[in-house]
Structure formats: structure tokens, C-alpha cells
Amino acid sequence: MSGQVVPHAAAEAPWLVVIDPQVIFADPASEWASPEFDAAMTVIERAAPAFDGRVVVTRWLPTAQRATGEGSTTSWTDYFEAWPFADRPAADPLYDLVPRARALTDRPTVDEPTFGKWGDGLRAVVGEAPRIVLTGVSTDCCVVATALAAADAGAHVEVLTDGCAGSTADDGAAALRIMGLFDPQIRLRTSADLA
């Protein structure tokens, strides 16, 4: 291979990963509703066509393992005790995608029982060390958990800051500050940078 230029993975076309655009985060009646959800969805809708079909949408489902085989519980048991309103069957309409998100891609959703969406399901779509642009909700939970795990695994991660919705404006801003500490593995950008 001497003298041959091998393309760097970051030069490959990026994937837009839209994290958890679900009713539970959009419905004002939900305890987890993000006040930034609609604004983030508007940015995501405008950005998606630039990715030329390389869009994947994820969902968080309340199906995490709550007990071990040894009779003890996992931290998910404590989590659902703290948030009993979310302890519903995965088929509950609260976990549906919002209508605006259904139009983003024809691909099946990547459903995970974990906050972070970087796992076998997402890697099967985007590859092992892809260039991904993260958007979605909530910045201070599922987005940051996905960004850190993906970067740690070698993915080239960009976070579209105005395409993310925090649980609160302050918590979302704090999560963006944390992710910004991981530059160059995680880069923060706005939708204006896509133009």
C-alpha cells in the first residue's frame, strides 16, 4: 500500500442520528417534556435533506433489565421507582415517534433500553467508526450518553447544538459544555455550519 492514499473515515459521508424524538419528550403533559423540543425538531427537519438518506432515528424504550439472575436489582429498578409515570409497556403511545419525526427516514428505528444509543443496533446502520451528527433529546441525557460512548469507540462525532433539546435550557447548555471538552473527538456545531 506504499504510496497509496487511504481515505480517512471522517471523509465519508456523515449520518444524521436523531435521538429519541418521542411523544414522552414532546407532550407538554409529560414530566419529561423538553421546552426546546419544537425548536430542535424544526432544525432537524431542515437539516435532514442534506444527509441524502443517511438519517437514522432512535427510540428509548423502558425495557431495561431490572433484576439480575442472582436475585438482586439493577439501577433501572431505582430509576423507575423515581419516575413511575414512565414505567409503562414499550408499546404505550407515550413512546411513539412524534409525527414530524416519522417523515425523516424510511429506515426502521433503532430501539434501545439505554440512554446511550451507541450499540449494536446503531453500529449495524452507520458502521463501526463513522462520522455521525447527533441531534435530538434530551441533550443532558441520551444525547450526551450517546456522544461519549460513540467517541470513545472511535466514531467521529459532531453535535448539532441547535438540533438538540435539553430537559431545561440550563441543563442542555451544561451538557453541551461537557461534550465540548472532548474536542476533537466530539465537535459542536450549529445548523448554519451545514450550509
Protein backbone atom coordinates (compact mmCIF):
# COMPACT_ATOMS: atom_id res chain seq x y z
CA MET A 1 0.00 0.00 0.00
CA SER A 2 3.04 2.21 -0.11
CA GLY A 3 2.40 5.49 -1.87
CA GLN A 4 -1.36 4.97 -1.83
CA VAL A 5 -3.56 7.49 -0.07
CA VAL A 6 -6.05 5.72 2.17
CA PRO A 7 -9.12 7.86 2.80
CA HIS A 8 -9.71 8.81 6.40
CA ALA A 9 -13.04 7.58 7.83
CA ALA A 10 -14.03 11.14 8.70
CA ALA A 11 -14.11 11.94 4.98
CA GLU A 12 -17.01 9.52 4.47
CA ALA A 13 -20.48 11.00 4.19
CA PRO A 14 -21.89 11.63 7.66
CA TRP A 15 -25.01 10.12 9.19
CA LEU A 16 -27.64 12.22 10.93
CA VAL A 17 -28.69 10.45 14.12
CA VAL A 18 -31.94 11.79 15.56
CA ILE A 19 -32.13 10.67 19.16
CA ASP A 20 -35.49 9.85 20.71
CA PRO A 21 -37.97 12.29 19.09
CA GLN A 22 -40.79 10.67 21.03
CA VAL A 23 -44.09 11.80 22.49
CA ILE A 24 -42.76 11.41 26.05
CA PHE A 25 -40.31 14.26 25.40
CA ALA A 26 -42.66 16.42 23.32
CA ASP A 27 -46.03 16.28 25.07
CA PRO A 28 -46.33 19.24 27.48
CA ALA A 29 -48.28 16.97 29.85
CA SER A 30 -45.27 14.65 30.21
CA GLU A 31 -42.93 15.04 33.16
CA TRP A 32 -40.07 14.74 30.66
CA ALA A 33 -41.27 17.30 28.13
CA SER A 34 -38.48 19.49 26.79
CA PRO A 35 -39.30 23.17 26.33
CA GLU A 36 -36.87 23.16 23.37
CA PHE A 37 -38.38 20.16 21.57
CA ASP A 38 -40.28 22.00 18.81
CA ALA A 39 -37.37 24.32 18.01
CA ALA A 40 -34.96 21.38 17.79
CA MET A 41 -37.35 19.43 15.54
CA THR A 42 -37.57 22.41 13.18
CA VAL A 43 -33.77 22.43 12.85
CA ILE A 44 -33.70 18.65 12.37
CA GLU A 45 -36.34 18.80 9.63
CA ARG A 46 -34.36 21.48 7.78
CA ALA A 47 -31.07 19.60 8.18
CA ALA A 48 -32.20 16.07 7.24
CA PRO A 49 -32.33 16.54 3.43
CA ALA A 50 -28.62 17.46 3.42
CA PHE A 51 -27.82 13.91 4.60
CA ASP A 52 -29.22 12.33 1.42
CA GLY A 53 -30.97 9.36 3.01
CA ARG A 54 -28.31 8.82 5.69
CA VAL A 55 -30.71 9.51 8.56
CA VAL A 56 -31.44 7.16 11.44
CA VAL A 57 -33.94 7.76 14.26
CA THR A 58 -33.71 6.14 17.68
CA ARG A 59 -36.21 5.47 20.47
CA TRP A 60 -35.74 4.89 24.17
CA LEU A 61 -37.93 2.08 25.46
CA PRO A 62 -38.49 1.19 29.14
CA THR A 63 -37.34 -2.39 28.72
CA ALA A 64 -34.02 -2.37 30.59
CA GLN A 65 -33.13 -5.35 32.70
CA ARG A 66 -34.28 -4.63 36.27
CA ALA A 67 -33.07 -7.76 38.00
CA THR A 68 -30.02 -9.95 37.77
CA GLY A 69 -30.05 -13.72 37.72
CA GLU A 70 -28.71 -13.63 41.26
CA GLY A 71 -31.85 -12.07 42.73
CA SER A 72 -30.50 -8.52 43.07
CA THR A 73 -31.81 -5.49 41.23
CA THR A 74 -30.17 -3.17 38.71
CA SER A 75 -30.13 0.61 38.88
CA TRP A 76 -33.09 0.60 36.48
CA THR A 77 -35.29 -0.63 39.34
CA ASP A 78 -34.40 2.52 41.29
CA TYR A 79 -34.84 4.64 38.17
CA PHE A 80 -38.39 3.51 37.53
CA GLU A 81 -39.25 3.91 41.20
CA ALA A 82 -38.14 7.55 40.85
CA TRP A 83 -40.08 8.01 37.57
CA PRO A 84 -43.19 5.81 37.89
CA PHE A 85 -45.07 7.72 35.17
CA ALA A 86 -42.60 6.30 32.61
CA ASP A 87 -42.98 2.71 33.81
CA ARG A 88 -45.32 1.62 31.02
CA PRO A 89 -45.24 -1.07 28.36
CA ALA A 90 -42.95 -0.30 25.43
CA ALA A 91 -45.98 -0.25 23.11
CA ASP A 92 -47.55 2.64 25.05
CA PRO A 93 -48.24 5.65 22.74
CA LEU A 94 -46.00 7.74 25.01
CA TYR A 95 -43.04 6.01 23.34
CA ASP A 96 -44.21 6.61 19.77
CA LEU A 97 -42.28 8.93 17.49
CA VAL A 98 -43.83 12.35 17.06
CA PRO A 99 -45.41 12.68 13.59
CA ARG A 100 -42.71 15.12 12.45
CA ALA A 101 -40.02 12.50 13.13
CA ARG A 102 -41.76 9.73 11.17
CA ALA A 103 -41.14 11.63 7.93
CA LEU A 104 -37.38 11.89 8.43
CA THR A 105 -36.44 8.41 7.17
CA ASP A 106 -37.84 5.16 5.83
CA ARG A 107 -35.38 3.17 7.95
CA PRO A 108 -36.68 1.28 10.98
CA THR A 109 -35.95 2.97 14.29
CA VAL A 110 -33.07 1.82 16.44
CA ASP A 111 -34.73 0.99 19.76
CA GLU A 112 -32.65 0.72 22.92
CA PRO A 113 -33.46 0.36 26.62
CA THR A 114 -30.48 2.56 27.49
CA PHE A 115 -29.90 6.32 27.47
CA GLY A 116 -26.91 5.99 25.19
CA LYS A 117 -27.84 4.77 21.73
CA TRP A 118 -24.33 3.75 20.66
CA GLY A 119 -24.66 -0.02 20.50
CA ASP A 120 -25.02 -2.93 18.12
CA GLY A 121 -28.24 -1.59 16.59
CA LEU A 122 -26.85 1.81 15.65
CA ARG A 123 -23.47 0.41 14.55
CA ALA A 124 -25.30 -2.01 12.23
CA VAL A 125 -26.67 1.03 10.38
CA VAL A 126 -23.82 3.55 10.49
CA GLY A 127 -20.72 1.34 10.81
CA GLU A 128 -18.04 0.88 13.44
CA ALA A 129 -16.19 4.23 13.19
CA PRO A 130 -18.48 6.51 11.20
CA ARG A 131 -18.90 10.24 11.08
CA ILE A 132 -22.17 10.97 12.89
CA VAL A 133 -24.05 14.18 13.55
CA LEU A 134 -26.15 13.89 16.70
CA THR A 135 -29.42 15.70 17.27
CA GLY A 136 -32.44 15.08 19.44
CA VAL A 137 -33.50 14.90 23.03
CA SER A 138 -32.50 15.22 25.68
CA THR A 139 -29.17 16.93 25.36
CA ASP A 140 -28.37 16.29 29.01
CA CYS A 141 -29.25 12.59 28.97
CA CYS A 142 -29.49 10.49 25.80
CA VAL A 143 -27.50 12.82 23.53
CA VAL A 144 -24.52 13.19 25.88
CA ALA A 145 -24.58 9.46 26.73
CA THR A 146 -24.54 8.59 23.02
CA ALA A 147 -21.85 11.13 22.14
CA LEU A 148 -19.42 9.99 24.81
CA ALA A 149 -19.81 6.28 24.08
CA ALA A 150 -19.56 6.77 20.31
CA ALA A 151 -16.46 8.95 20.57
CA ASP A 152 -14.87 6.52 23.00
CA ALA A 153 -15.47 3.74 20.46
CA GLY A 154 -13.75 5.75 17.71
CA ALA A 155 -16.66 7.39 15.90
CA HIS A 156 -16.22 10.94 14.63
CA VAL A 157 -18.96 12.79 16.48
CA GLU A 158 -20.48 16.16 15.79
CA VAL A 159 -23.35 17.55 17.87
CA LEU A 160 -25.74 19.89 16.10
CA THR A 161 -26.32 22.17 19.07
CA ASP A 162 -29.47 23.88 17.79
CA GLY A 163 -30.88 20.49 16.82
CA CYS A 164 -30.79 19.29 20.42
CA ALA A 165 -33.37 19.81 23.14
CA GLY A 166 -32.42 19.80 26.80
CA SER A 167 -34.64 18.89 29.72
CA THR A 168 -34.13 22.54 30.66
CA ALA A 169 -32.15 25.26 28.89
CA ASP A 170 -29.56 25.28 31.69
CA ASP A 171 -29.13 21.51 31.78
CA GLY A 172 -28.88 21.34 27.98
CA ALA A 173 -26.22 24.07 27.98
CA ALA A 174 -24.28 22.22 30.71
CA ALA A 175 -24.30 19.02 28.65
CA LEU A 176 -23.04 20.90 25.59
CA ARG A 177 -20.20 22.36 27.68
CA ILE A 178 -19.25 18.85 28.82
CA MET A 179 -19.30 17.45 25.28
CA GLY A 180 -17.23 20.43 24.11
CA LEU A 181 -14.45 19.28 26.42
CA PHE A 182 -13.94 16.24 24.19
CA ASP A 183 -12.91 18.16 21.07
CA PRO A 184 -11.67 16.91 18.58
CA GLN A 185 -13.48 13.61 19.17
CA ILE A 186 -16.75 15.47 19.72
CA ARG A 187 -17.25 18.73 17.86
CA LEU A 188 -20.05 21.18 18.48
CA ARG A 189 -21.60 22.94 15.50
CA THR A 190 -24.83 24.67 14.53
CA SER A 191 -27.13 24.09 11.59
CA ALA A 192 -25.63 27.19 9.95
CA ASP A 193 -22.38 25.21 9.66
CA LEU A 194 -24.11 22.66 7.42
CA ALA A 195 -24.65 25.20 4.66
